[in-house]
């Protein structure tokens, strides 16, 4: 009986530890999934700042966003490479200026490259089918069909850009770093939970 008495408290402690540990894991999982957390709020704040920057710095983007069926704002993408390279960033898709989904942007590269750079970009979906294709895909990859908006030296988006019939218009901005020529070709966008 004395041996049994010595074993029972260890079992109870072990069960308590198991229950407490399981509860802690569930709590961590709930905090890490974006529900009730602040990661989505922080990302939305960055997207707001990016949108405001674009509208203030490139006045034509306000009209472009108003005519677009949706806009994907990517506040910051970081790329680095030394032979092999890669890049990553996170952003939000907005329809009528309301966030509907969050996305990551990733790219892997190989070739003659040395350095690092950071930049932001926005994709303006000018047709309903282009937006639907983007949202429907498991991983949409930017291709050669994106038309790039190039701000003139005065900081405005030219009339030819905003009146074009391109289904997707891309704007790369705020480029800083040692790699030249930020492009979106080969960037893969995937829906995420922040």
N, C-alpha and C. Protein backbone atom coordinates (compact mmCIF):
# COMPACT_ATOMS: atom_id res chain seq x y z
N UNK A 1 0.81 -1.18 0.00
CA UNK A 1 0.00 0.00 0.00
C UNK A 1 0.86 1.25 0.00
N UNK A 2 1.94 1.18 0.68
CA UNK A 2 2.83 2.31 0.72
C UNK A 2 3.42 2.60 -0.66
N UNK A 3 3.75 1.53 -1.45
CA UNK A 3 4.26 1.71 -2.80
C UNK A 3 3.21 2.35 -3.70
N UNK A 4 1.96 1.90 -3.55
CA UNK A 4 0.87 2.45 -4.36
C UNK A 4 0.66 3.93 -4.04
N UNK A 5 0.75 4.29 -2.76
CA UNK A 5 0.57 5.67 -2.35
C UNK A 5 1.67 6.56 -2.95
N UNK A 6 2.88 6.03 -3.05
CA UNK A 6 3.99 6.80 -3.63
C UNK A 6 3.81 7.00 -5.12
N UNK A 7 3.19 6.06 -5.83
CA UNK A 7 3.04 6.15 -7.28
C UNK A 7 1.88 7.07 -7.66
N UNK A 8 0.82 7.04 -6.92
CA UNK A 8 -0.38 7.80 -7.28
C UNK A 8 -0.12 9.30 -7.41
N UNK A 9 0.57 9.97 -6.48
CA UNK A 9 0.81 11.41 -6.66
C UNK A 9 1.61 11.72 -7.93
N UNK A 10 2.51 10.85 -8.30
CA UNK A 10 3.28 11.08 -9.53
C UNK A 10 2.37 11.01 -10.74
N UNK A 11 1.42 10.08 -10.74
CA UNK A 11 0.48 9.97 -11.85
C UNK A 11 -0.40 11.20 -11.93
N UNK A 12 -0.87 11.66 -10.77
CA UNK A 12 -1.71 12.86 -10.77
C UNK A 12 -0.93 14.06 -11.27
N UNK A 13 0.28 14.19 -10.83
CA UNK A 13 1.12 15.28 -11.29
C UNK A 13 1.36 15.17 -12.79
N UNK A 14 1.56 13.98 -13.24
CA UNK A 14 1.78 13.74 -14.66
C UNK A 14 0.53 14.09 -15.46
N UNK A 15 -0.65 13.74 -14.98
CA UNK A 15 -1.89 14.07 -15.67
C UNK A 15 -2.12 15.57 -15.66
N UNK A 16 -1.85 16.19 -14.53
CA UNK A 16 -2.00 17.65 -14.45
C UNK A 16 -1.06 18.34 -15.43
N UNK A 17 0.16 17.86 -15.47
CA UNK A 17 1.14 18.44 -16.39
C UNK A 17 0.68 18.29 -17.83
N UNK A 18 0.13 17.13 -18.13
CA UNK A 18 -0.35 16.87 -19.48
C UNK A 18 -1.50 17.81 -19.82
N UNK A 19 -2.47 17.95 -18.93
CA UNK A 19 -3.60 18.84 -19.17
C UNK A 19 -3.13 20.29 -19.27
N UNK A 20 -2.27 20.71 -18.35
CA UNK A 20 -1.77 22.08 -18.37
C UNK A 20 -0.95 22.34 -19.64
N UNK A 21 -0.13 21.38 -19.99
CA UNK A 21 0.68 21.53 -21.21
C UNK A 21 -0.18 21.59 -22.46
N UNK A 22 -1.21 20.75 -22.53
CA UNK A 22 -2.13 20.78 -23.67
C UNK A 22 -2.88 22.10 -23.74
N UNK A 23 -3.28 22.62 -22.59
CA UNK A 23 -3.95 23.92 -22.56
C UNK A 23 -3.04 25.04 -23.02
N UNK A 24 -1.79 24.99 -22.61
CA UNK A 24 -0.82 26.01 -23.02
C UNK A 24 -0.58 25.95 -24.52
N UNK A 25 -0.48 24.73 -25.07
CA UNK A 25 -0.29 24.59 -26.51
C UNK A 25 -1.49 25.11 -27.27
N UNK A 26 -2.69 24.82 -26.79
CA UNK A 26 -3.90 25.32 -27.44
C UNK A 26 -3.94 26.85 -27.41
N UNK A 27 -3.54 27.43 -26.28
CA UNK A 27 -3.51 28.88 -26.15
C UNK A 27 -2.50 29.48 -27.12
N UNK A 28 -1.32 28.89 -27.22
CA UNK A 28 -0.31 29.38 -28.15
C UNK A 28 -0.78 29.26 -29.59
N UNK A 29 -1.44 28.15 -29.92
CA UNK A 29 -1.95 27.96 -31.27
C UNK A 29 -3.01 29.00 -31.59
N UNK A 30 -3.88 29.28 -30.64
CA UNK A 30 -4.93 30.28 -30.87
C UNK A 30 -4.32 31.66 -31.05
N UNK A 31 -3.28 31.97 -30.30
CA UNK A 31 -2.64 33.28 -30.43
C UNK A 31 -1.87 33.40 -31.73
N UNK A 32 -1.36 32.30 -32.25
CA UNK A 32 -0.53 32.34 -33.44
C UNK A 32 -1.28 32.28 -34.75
N UNK A 33 -2.61 32.12 -34.74
CA UNK A 33 -3.31 31.97 -36.00
C UNK A 33 -3.88 33.26 -36.55
N UNK A 34 -3.63 34.37 -35.92
CA UNK A 34 -4.10 35.64 -36.44
C UNK A 34 -5.46 36.03 -35.93
N UNK A 35 -6.22 35.10 -35.38
CA UNK A 35 -7.54 35.42 -34.86
C UNK A 35 -7.36 36.00 -33.46
N UNK A 36 -7.80 37.20 -33.27
CA UNK A 36 -7.65 37.84 -31.98
C UNK A 36 -6.26 38.39 -31.74
N UNK A 37 -5.35 38.18 -32.67
CA UNK A 37 -4.00 38.69 -32.53
C UNK A 37 -3.89 40.06 -33.16
N UNK A 38 -2.69 40.62 -33.11
CA UNK A 38 -2.50 41.96 -33.66
C UNK A 38 -1.72 41.96 -34.96
N UNK A 39 -1.32 40.78 -35.45
CA UNK A 39 -0.52 40.74 -36.68
C UNK A 39 -1.30 41.28 -37.88
N UNK A 40 -2.57 40.92 -38.00
CA UNK A 40 -3.40 41.43 -39.10
C UNK A 40 -3.56 42.95 -38.97
N UNK A 41 -3.74 43.43 -37.76
CA UNK A 41 -3.89 44.87 -37.54
C UNK A 41 -2.61 45.62 -37.93
N UNK A 42 -1.46 45.06 -37.58
CA UNK A 42 -0.19 45.69 -37.94
C UNK A 42 0.00 45.71 -39.45
N UNK A 43 -0.33 44.60 -40.10
CA UNK A 43 -0.20 44.53 -41.55
C UNK A 43 -1.16 45.51 -42.22
N UNK A 44 -2.39 45.61 -41.71
CA UNK A 44 -3.34 46.58 -42.25
C UNK A 44 -2.83 48.01 -42.06
N UNK A 45 -2.20 48.29 -40.94
CA UNK A 45 -1.65 49.64 -40.71
C UNK A 45 -0.54 49.93 -41.71
N UNK A 46 0.30 48.95 -42.01
CA UNK A 46 1.36 49.13 -43.02
C UNK A 46 0.77 49.35 -44.41
N UNK A 47 -0.29 48.60 -44.70
CA UNK A 47 -0.96 48.76 -46.00
C UNK A 47 -1.60 50.15 -46.10
N UNK A 48 -2.22 50.62 -45.02
CA UNK A 48 -2.78 51.98 -45.00
C UNK A 48 -1.70 53.01 -45.28
N UNK A 49 -0.56 52.86 -44.62
CA UNK A 49 0.54 53.81 -44.81
C UNK A 49 1.06 53.76 -46.25
N UNK A 50 1.12 52.57 -46.83
CA UNK A 50 1.57 52.42 -48.21
C UNK A 50 0.58 53.08 -49.17
N UNK A 51 -0.70 52.82 -48.98
CA UNK A 51 -1.73 53.44 -49.81
C UNK A 51 -1.65 54.97 -49.72
N UNK A 52 -1.54 55.48 -48.50
CA UNK A 52 -1.47 56.93 -48.32
C UNK A 52 -0.22 57.52 -48.97
N UNK A 53 0.90 56.79 -48.87
CA UNK A 53 2.14 57.23 -49.52
C UNK A 53 1.95 57.31 -51.03
N UNK A 54 1.36 56.26 -51.61
CA UNK A 54 1.15 56.25 -53.06
C UNK A 54 0.25 57.39 -53.49
N UNK A 55 -0.86 57.57 -52.80
CA UNK A 55 -1.81 58.62 -53.16
C UNK A 55 -1.18 60.01 -53.02
N UNK A 56 -0.33 60.19 -52.03
CA UNK A 56 0.32 61.48 -51.83
C UNK A 56 1.48 61.72 -52.79
N UNK A 57 2.26 60.70 -53.03
CA UNK A 57 3.46 60.84 -53.87
C UNK A 57 3.16 60.74 -55.36
N UNK A 58 2.22 59.87 -55.72
CA UNK A 58 1.86 59.64 -57.12
C UNK A 58 0.35 59.87 -57.27
N UNK A 59 -0.05 61.12 -57.50
CA UNK A 59 -1.47 61.47 -57.48
C UNK A 59 -2.36 60.62 -58.39
N UNK A 60 -1.86 60.14 -59.49
CA UNK A 60 -2.67 59.33 -60.40
C UNK A 60 -3.09 57.99 -59.82
N UNK A 61 -2.40 57.53 -58.76
CA UNK A 61 -2.75 56.23 -58.19
C UNK A 61 -4.10 56.25 -57.49
N UNK A 62 -4.53 57.40 -57.00
CA UNK A 62 -5.85 57.49 -56.36
C UNK A 62 -6.95 57.18 -57.38
N UNK A 63 -6.84 57.78 -58.58
CA UNK A 63 -7.81 57.52 -59.64
C UNK A 63 -7.70 56.08 -60.13
N UNK A 64 -6.47 55.59 -60.24
CA UNK A 64 -6.24 54.22 -60.68
C UNK A 64 -6.89 53.24 -59.71
N UNK A 65 -6.72 53.46 -58.40
CA UNK A 65 -7.32 52.59 -57.39
C UNK A 65 -8.84 52.68 -57.42
N UNK A 66 -9.38 53.86 -57.68
CA UNK A 66 -10.83 54.02 -57.73
C UNK A 66 -11.45 53.26 -58.89
N UNK A 67 -10.70 53.12 -60.00
CA UNK A 67 -11.22 52.39 -61.15
C UNK A 67 -10.88 50.91 -61.13
N UNK A 68 -9.99 50.51 -60.26
CA UNK A 68 -9.59 49.10 -60.18
C UNK A 68 -10.66 48.27 -59.45
N UNK A 69 -10.74 47.01 -59.82
CA UNK A 69 -11.65 46.08 -59.14
C UNK A 69 -11.06 45.63 -57.81
N UNK A 70 -9.76 45.74 -57.68
CA UNK A 70 -9.06 45.41 -56.45
C UNK A 70 -7.61 45.85 -56.54
N UNK A 71 -6.98 46.09 -55.39
CA UNK A 71 -5.58 46.50 -55.36
C UNK A 71 -4.86 45.66 -54.32
N UNK A 72 -3.75 45.05 -54.72
CA UNK A 72 -2.89 44.33 -53.80
C UNK A 72 -1.74 45.26 -53.43
N UNK A 73 -1.67 45.62 -52.15
CA UNK A 73 -0.60 46.48 -51.65
C UNK A 73 0.43 45.60 -50.94
N UNK A 74 1.68 45.72 -51.36
CA UNK A 74 2.79 45.01 -50.72
C UNK A 74 3.74 46.07 -50.18
N UNK A 75 3.63 46.42 -48.89
CA UNK A 75 4.41 47.52 -48.33
C UNK A 75 5.92 47.35 -48.43
N UNK A 76 6.42 46.14 -48.25
CA UNK A 76 7.87 45.95 -48.25
C UNK A 76 8.22 44.53 -48.69
N UNK A 77 9.04 44.45 -49.73
CA UNK A 77 9.59 43.18 -50.19
C UNK A 77 11.10 43.30 -50.06
N UNK A 78 11.72 42.31 -49.45
CA UNK A 78 13.17 42.30 -49.28
C UNK A 78 13.73 41.19 -50.15
N UNK A 79 14.72 41.53 -50.97
CA UNK A 79 15.39 40.55 -51.81
C UNK A 79 16.88 40.60 -51.54
N UNK A 80 17.51 39.43 -51.62
CA UNK A 80 18.96 39.34 -51.47
C UNK A 80 19.46 38.22 -52.35
N UNK A 81 20.67 38.34 -52.83
CA UNK A 81 21.21 37.29 -53.66
C UNK A 81 22.72 37.34 -53.79
N UNK A 82 23.28 36.18 -53.92
CA UNK A 82 24.69 36.01 -54.25
C UNK A 82 24.74 34.74 -55.08
N UNK A 83 24.48 34.87 -56.37
CA UNK A 83 24.29 33.69 -57.23
C UNK A 83 22.86 33.20 -57.12
N UNK A 84 22.55 32.56 -56.00
CA UNK A 84 21.17 32.20 -55.69
C UNK A 84 20.57 33.36 -54.90
N UNK A 85 19.31 33.59 -55.09
CA UNK A 85 18.68 34.68 -54.37
C UNK A 85 17.23 34.40 -54.07
N UNK A 86 16.65 35.28 -53.31
CA UNK A 86 15.24 35.14 -52.98
C UNK A 86 14.69 36.42 -52.41
N UNK A 87 13.38 36.46 -52.33
CA UNK A 87 12.72 37.63 -51.78
C UNK A 87 11.44 37.23 -51.08
N UNK A 88 11.00 38.09 -50.15
CA UNK A 88 9.77 37.82 -49.40
C UNK A 88 9.15 39.13 -48.93
N UNK A 89 7.84 39.16 -48.92
CA UNK A 89 7.09 40.28 -48.38
C UNK A 89 5.66 39.85 -48.11
N UNK A 90 4.92 40.68 -47.36
CA UNK A 90 3.51 40.40 -47.07
C UNK A 90 2.69 41.65 -47.33
N UNK A 91 1.44 41.44 -47.73
CA UNK A 91 0.57 42.56 -47.99
C UNK A 91 -0.89 42.15 -47.94
N UNK A 92 -1.75 43.03 -48.44
CA UNK A 92 -3.18 42.79 -48.37
C UNK A 92 -3.86 43.16 -49.68
N UNK A 93 -4.86 42.38 -50.03
CA UNK A 93 -5.71 42.67 -51.18
C UNK A 93 -6.91 43.45 -50.67
N UNK A 94 -7.15 44.58 -51.30
CA UNK A 94 -8.28 45.42 -50.91
C UNK A 94 -9.25 45.56 -52.08
N UNK A 95 -10.52 45.42 -51.76
CA UNK A 95 -11.60 45.67 -52.70
C UNK A 95 -12.45 46.77 -52.08
N UNK A 96 -12.67 47.84 -52.83
CA UNK A 96 -13.36 49.02 -52.30
C UNK A 96 -12.68 49.51 -51.01
N UNK A 97 -11.37 49.45 -51.00
CA UNK A 97 -10.51 49.89 -49.88
C UNK A 97 -10.77 49.12 -48.58
N UNK A 98 -11.27 47.90 -48.69
CA UNK A 98 -11.48 47.04 -47.52
C UNK A 98 -10.64 45.78 -47.73
N UNK A 99 -9.85 45.39 -46.74
CA UNK A 99 -9.03 44.19 -46.83
C UNK A 99 -9.92 42.96 -46.91
N UNK A 100 -9.70 42.14 -47.96
CA UNK A 100 -10.45 40.90 -48.12
C UNK A 100 -9.58 39.67 -47.93
N UNK A 101 -8.27 39.79 -48.18
CA UNK A 101 -7.33 38.68 -48.03
C UNK A 101 -5.94 39.23 -47.80
N UNK A 102 -5.09 38.38 -47.21
CA UNK A 102 -3.68 38.71 -47.01
C UNK A 102 -2.85 37.78 -47.89
N UNK A 103 -1.73 38.30 -48.39
CA UNK A 103 -0.90 37.52 -49.31
C UNK A 103 0.57 37.67 -48.95
N UNK A 104 1.33 36.63 -49.29
CA UNK A 104 2.78 36.72 -49.25
C UNK A 104 3.26 36.79 -50.69
N UNK A 105 4.40 37.42 -50.88
CA UNK A 105 5.06 37.48 -52.18
C UNK A 105 6.43 36.85 -52.01
N UNK A 106 6.72 35.82 -52.80
CA UNK A 106 8.01 35.14 -52.71
C UNK A 106 8.62 35.01 -54.10
N UNK A 107 9.93 34.98 -54.13
CA UNK A 107 10.61 34.76 -55.40
C UNK A 107 11.96 34.12 -55.13
N UNK A 108 12.29 33.12 -55.94
CA UNK A 108 13.60 32.50 -55.90
C UNK A 108 14.27 32.80 -57.24
N UNK A 109 15.54 33.16 -57.19
CA UNK A 109 16.25 33.51 -58.41
C UNK A 109 17.60 32.81 -58.45
N UNK A 110 18.12 32.68 -59.66
CA UNK A 110 19.44 32.11 -59.86
C UNK A 110 20.08 32.87 -61.02
N UNK A 111 21.32 33.19 -60.89
CA UNK A 111 22.01 33.88 -61.97
C UNK A 111 23.00 34.88 -61.43
N UNK A 112 23.44 35.76 -62.31
CA UNK A 112 24.42 36.77 -61.96
C UNK A 112 23.75 37.85 -61.12
N UNK A 113 23.91 37.76 -59.82
CA UNK A 113 23.32 38.74 -58.91
C UNK A 113 24.12 38.77 -57.62
N UNK A 114 24.34 39.96 -57.15
CA UNK A 114 25.01 40.16 -55.87
C UNK A 114 24.36 41.39 -55.24
N UNK A 115 23.95 41.27 -54.00
CA UNK A 115 23.43 42.42 -53.30
C UNK A 115 22.09 42.17 -52.66
N UNK A 116 21.48 43.26 -52.24
CA UNK A 116 20.18 43.20 -51.58
C UNK A 116 19.42 44.47 -51.89
N UNK A 117 18.11 44.38 -51.85
CA UNK A 117 17.28 45.55 -52.06
C UNK A 117 15.95 45.38 -51.36
N UNK A 118 15.30 46.49 -51.13
CA UNK A 118 13.96 46.51 -50.58
C UNK A 118 13.12 47.45 -51.41
N UNK A 119 11.86 47.11 -51.58
CA UNK A 119 10.95 47.96 -52.33
C UNK A 119 9.52 47.58 -51.97
N UNK A 120 8.62 48.45 -52.31
CA UNK A 120 7.20 48.16 -52.17
C UNK A 120 6.59 48.09 -53.56
N UNK A 121 5.43 47.49 -53.65
CA UNK A 121 4.73 47.51 -54.94
C UNK A 121 3.23 47.34 -54.73
N UNK A 122 2.52 47.67 -55.77
CA UNK A 122 1.07 47.52 -55.76
C UNK A 122 0.64 46.97 -57.10
N UNK A 123 -0.33 46.07 -57.06
CA UNK A 123 -0.93 45.53 -58.28
C UNK A 123 -2.37 46.03 -58.35
N UNK A 124 -2.71 46.70 -59.44
CA UNK A 124 -4.05 47.21 -59.67
C UNK A 124 -4.75 46.27 -60.65
N UNK A 125 -5.80 45.59 -60.19
CA UNK A 125 -6.54 44.66 -61.04
C UNK A 125 -7.65 45.45 -61.72
N UNK A 126 -7.46 45.70 -63.02
CA UNK A 126 -8.34 46.61 -63.76
C UNK A 126 -9.55 45.92 -64.38
N UNK A 127 -9.60 44.60 -64.36
CA UNK A 127 -10.76 43.87 -64.88
C UNK A 127 -11.22 42.85 -63.84
N UNK A 128 -12.50 42.56 -63.86
CA UNK A 128 -13.05 41.56 -62.94
C UNK A 128 -12.46 40.18 -63.19
N UNK A 129 -12.28 39.74 -64.45
CA UNK A 129 -11.66 38.42 -64.66
C UNK A 129 -10.23 38.33 -64.13
N UNK A 130 -9.44 39.40 -64.25
CA UNK A 130 -8.06 39.37 -63.74
C UNK A 130 -8.07 39.21 -62.23
N UNK A 131 -8.95 39.94 -61.54
CA UNK A 131 -9.05 39.82 -60.09
C UNK A 131 -9.54 38.44 -59.68
N UNK A 132 -10.54 37.92 -60.40
CA UNK A 132 -11.07 36.59 -60.08
C UNK A 132 -10.02 35.51 -60.27
N UNK A 133 -9.23 35.61 -61.33
CA UNK A 133 -8.16 34.63 -61.57
C UNK A 133 -7.12 34.68 -60.44
N UNK A 134 -6.77 35.88 -60.02
CA UNK A 134 -5.80 36.05 -58.93
C UNK A 134 -6.32 35.41 -57.65
N UNK A 135 -7.56 35.70 -57.29
CA UNK A 135 -8.12 35.19 -56.03
C UNK A 135 -8.38 33.69 -56.07
N UNK A 136 -8.67 33.15 -57.23
CA UNK A 136 -9.00 31.74 -57.38
C UNK A 136 -7.76 30.85 -57.34
N UNK A 137 -6.61 31.38 -57.71
CA UNK A 137 -5.41 30.55 -57.84
C UNK A 137 -4.81 30.21 -56.48
N UNK A 138 -4.15 29.05 -56.42
CA UNK A 138 -3.44 28.63 -55.21
C UNK A 138 -2.12 29.37 -55.05
N UNK A 139 -1.58 29.83 -56.13
CA UNK A 139 -0.33 30.56 -56.13
C UNK A 139 -0.18 31.28 -57.46
N UNK A 140 -0.54 32.53 -57.51
CA UNK A 140 -0.53 33.31 -58.75
C UNK A 140 0.86 33.86 -58.96
N UNK A 141 1.41 33.68 -60.16
CA UNK A 141 2.75 34.15 -60.46
C UNK A 141 2.69 35.31 -61.44
N UNK A 142 3.37 36.38 -61.09
CA UNK A 142 3.43 37.55 -61.96
C UNK A 142 4.20 37.20 -63.22
N UNK A 143 3.63 37.54 -64.35
CA UNK A 143 4.27 37.23 -65.62
C UNK A 143 4.51 38.47 -66.44
N UNK A 144 4.74 38.26 -67.72
CA UNK A 144 5.05 39.36 -68.62
C UNK A 144 3.81 40.17 -68.98
N UNK A 145 2.63 39.71 -68.61
CA UNK A 145 1.40 40.41 -68.97
C UNK A 145 1.09 41.60 -68.06
N UNK A 146 1.89 41.83 -67.03
CA UNK A 146 1.68 42.99 -66.16
C UNK A 146 2.22 44.22 -66.87
N UNK A 147 1.42 45.25 -66.93
CA UNK A 147 1.88 46.53 -67.46
C UNK A 147 2.38 47.36 -66.28
N UNK A 148 3.56 47.94 -66.41
CA UNK A 148 4.15 48.70 -65.32
C UNK A 148 3.83 50.18 -65.46
N UNK A 149 3.37 50.77 -64.38
CA UNK A 149 3.16 52.21 -64.33
C UNK A 149 4.48 52.84 -63.95
N UNK A 150 4.92 53.78 -64.75
CA UNK A 150 6.19 54.44 -64.49
C UNK A 150 5.93 55.91 -64.20
N UNK A 151 6.10 56.32 -62.94
CA UNK A 151 5.86 57.71 -62.62
C UNK A 151 6.86 58.60 -63.35
N UNK A 152 6.38 59.75 -63.83
CA UNK A 152 7.31 60.70 -64.44
C UNK A 152 8.08 61.41 -63.33
N UNK A 153 8.97 62.29 -63.69
CA UNK A 153 9.81 62.94 -62.70
C UNK A 153 9.01 63.82 -61.74
N UNK A 154 7.80 64.21 -62.13
CA UNK A 154 6.95 65.00 -61.24
C UNK A 154 6.20 64.16 -60.23
N UNK A 155 6.32 62.84 -60.30
CA UNK A 155 5.68 61.97 -59.33
C UNK A 155 4.27 61.57 -59.68
N UNK A 156 3.80 61.90 -60.89
CA UNK A 156 2.44 61.50 -61.24
C UNK A 156 2.47 60.29 -62.17
N UNK A 157 1.39 59.57 -62.18
CA UNK A 157 1.25 58.44 -63.09
C UNK A 157 0.68 59.00 -64.38
N UNK A 158 1.30 58.68 -65.49
CA UNK A 158 0.89 59.24 -66.76
C UNK A 158 -0.51 58.82 -67.19
N UNK A 159 -1.15 59.64 -68.01
CA UNK A 159 -2.50 59.39 -68.49
C UNK A 159 -2.54 58.10 -69.30
N UNK A 160 -1.48 57.81 -70.06
CA UNK A 160 -1.47 56.59 -70.86
C UNK A 160 -1.55 55.33 -69.99
N UNK A 161 -1.03 55.39 -68.77
CA UNK A 161 -1.09 54.26 -67.85
C UNK A 161 -2.51 54.05 -67.35
N UNK A 162 -3.15 55.12 -66.94
CA UNK A 162 -4.47 54.98 -66.32
C UNK A 162 -5.57 54.75 -67.33
N UNK A 163 -5.32 55.05 -68.61
CA UNK A 163 -6.36 54.82 -69.60
C UNK A 163 -6.13 53.52 -70.36
N UNK A 164 -5.05 52.83 -70.08
CA UNK A 164 -4.75 51.58 -70.78
C UNK A 164 -5.74 50.49 -70.42
N UNK A 165 -5.80 49.49 -71.26
CA UNK A 165 -6.73 48.38 -71.05
C UNK A 165 -6.06 47.16 -70.46
N UNK A 166 -4.90 47.31 -69.87
CA UNK A 166 -4.19 46.18 -69.27
C UNK A 166 -5.00 45.63 -68.11
N UNK A 167 -5.10 44.30 -68.02
CA UNK A 167 -5.86 43.71 -66.91
C UNK A 167 -5.19 43.92 -65.55
N UNK A 168 -3.85 43.98 -65.52
CA UNK A 168 -3.12 44.18 -64.26
C UNK A 168 -2.05 45.25 -64.50
N UNK A 169 -2.03 46.26 -63.64
CA UNK A 169 -1.01 47.31 -63.71
C UNK A 169 -0.20 47.24 -62.42
N UNK A 170 1.11 47.16 -62.56
CA UNK A 170 2.00 47.08 -61.41
C UNK A 170 2.77 48.37 -61.23
N UNK A 171 2.98 48.76 -59.99
CA UNK A 171 3.77 49.94 -59.67
C UNK A 171 4.79 49.54 -58.61
N UNK A 172 6.06 49.64 -58.95
CA UNK A 172 7.15 49.36 -58.02
C UNK A 172 7.67 50.71 -57.53
N UNK A 173 7.84 50.86 -56.22
CA UNK A 173 8.24 52.15 -55.67
C UNK A 173 9.13 51.96 -54.45
N UNK A 174 9.80 53.05 -54.08
CA UNK A 174 10.61 53.06 -52.86
C UNK A 174 11.80 52.13 -52.90
N UNK A 175 12.34 51.87 -54.08
CA UNK A 175 13.44 50.93 -54.20
C UNK A 175 14.69 51.48 -53.55
N UNK A 176 15.29 50.67 -52.67
CA UNK A 176 16.53 51.05 -52.01
C UNK A 176 17.40 49.82 -51.88
N UNK A 177 18.64 49.96 -52.20
CA UNK A 177 19.56 48.84 -52.06
C UNK A 177 20.59 48.82 -53.16
N UNK A 178 21.27 47.69 -53.28
CA UNK A 178 22.39 47.57 -54.20
C UNK A 178 22.09 46.76 -55.45
N UNK A 179 20.88 46.23 -55.58
CA UNK A 179 20.51 45.48 -56.78
C UNK A 179 19.69 46.42 -57.67
N UNK A 180 19.98 46.42 -58.94
CA UNK A 180 19.27 47.33 -59.84
C UNK A 180 18.07 46.64 -60.48
N UNK A 181 17.04 47.44 -60.76
CA UNK A 181 15.94 46.98 -61.58
C UNK A 181 14.97 46.03 -60.93
N UNK A 182 14.24 46.50 -59.93
CA UNK A 182 13.21 45.65 -59.33
C UNK A 182 12.14 45.36 -60.36
N UNK A 183 11.79 44.12 -60.50
CA UNK A 183 10.74 43.69 -61.40
C UNK A 183 9.89 42.67 -60.67
N UNK A 184 8.65 42.51 -61.10
CA UNK A 184 7.76 41.57 -60.44
C UNK A 184 7.69 40.23 -61.16
N UNK A 185 8.38 40.09 -62.29
CA UNK A 185 8.35 38.84 -63.04
C UNK A 185 8.84 37.70 -62.16
N UNK A 186 8.06 36.66 -62.07
CA UNK A 186 8.42 35.48 -61.29
C UNK A 186 8.04 35.54 -59.83
N UNK A 187 7.45 36.65 -59.37
CA UNK A 187 7.00 36.74 -57.98
C UNK A 187 5.73 35.91 -57.84
N UNK A 188 5.70 35.06 -56.82
CA UNK A 188 4.54 34.20 -56.58
C UNK A 188 3.78 34.73 -55.38
N UNK A 189 2.47 34.92 -55.56
CA UNK A 189 1.60 35.43 -54.52
C UNK A 189 0.74 34.29 -53.98
N UNK A 190 0.73 34.15 -52.67
CA UNK A 190 -0.01 33.07 -52.01
C UNK A 190 -0.81 33.64 -50.86
N UNK A 191 -2.08 33.22 -50.76
CA UNK A 191 -2.93 33.69 -49.66
C UNK A 191 -2.41 33.15 -48.35
N UNK A 192 -2.40 34.01 -47.32
CA UNK A 192 -1.88 33.63 -46.02
C UNK A 192 -2.84 34.08 -44.92
N UNK A 193 -2.63 33.56 -43.72
CA UNK A 193 -3.25 34.07 -42.51
C UNK A 193 -2.12 34.73 -41.73
N UNK A 194 -2.18 36.06 -41.53
CA UNK A 194 -1.04 36.74 -40.89
C UNK A 194 -0.88 36.35 -39.44
